[in-house]
C-alpha cells in the first residue's frame, strides 16, 4: 500500500530520492555546485534550508551562523546580504539565494526546511511571485510554523508535519488518540529519535491510511535504504546520493 498523491509536488513515479542539502557528503552542502551535481546525477528532488539576512534576502543555508561551513563568521540574521555573499562554503563556493536556485534549476522540486520564523514570509512571497506552488514543499521542526505557512498560503502549498504532528501520527499508529493537522501531505521523519524507532510497518501504515507519504531522513547506508524501501516508505533523503541512486536503480525504481 502506498499513499495517494495529494499534491502535484508529490507526483513522481516510484519512491522520491531527495538529495540532502544537495548531497552533503562532499562538504559542499547547500551550494549551487552541489545542487548541479545532484541534478546531473538525475535528481529532481533536493532538500535545502533557508534563512534570511538582516536585509531580508532569502539564502539556502542550514546553520544560523556562517562559522561551521564557510570562511566567514557571524549570525546570518545579523548580517547584510552584501557580507554573506562574500562568504565561501569550504573556502570556494558562494552561499546561494534561494530565488536564484529556483531560476537556475527549473525542473527541480525543493523540500525546504524553514529554519527560523523570519524566513517564512519571504519564502511564501517568493513562491507566490514565481508561481512555484508545485515545486516547493515547506517543512520545519516547528509544527506552529508549518501550520502558519499552510494557513497563509492555503491548499496550493505542500507542507510536511513538524515534530508535534509526527508525534501525533506515531500515537495514532498505536491506536491512541491524537490531533493531526489535516492539510499536511507528508510526514518527514528520522528512522529513530532519542533511541526510539520512529519508522516501522505500523507508522507507515498509519500514514498511508491518512493519505500521507512518508519520507525518511537522513539515510546514508545501503542496507538501511533497502530496509526502509521494503517497509514501503515513499521517499528517502540522503547525503550519499550516488548510493541512493544505485539502490533505486537495482530495484528498477529510479525514474
Foldseek 3Di string as FASTA:
>chain_A
DFFDQPALLLPDFFFAEEAEQLQPPVQQGVFPVSVVVLVVVPHQEYEFEWDAACVGFIWTDDDQWPPPFWPDTDGRNDHDPVVQQPIAGNHHTGTDGVLVVCVVRVRHAYEYEYEDLSVLVVVLVSCVVVVCLSRYEYEYLDQVSQVVSCVVNPLSHAYEGHVQQLVQLQCVLVVHHDDHDLSHAAHEEECADPPHGSDDLSSSVSQSVSSYAYEYDDDEDLVVLVVNVVSPHRYYYYSRSVSNQVSCVVVVRSD
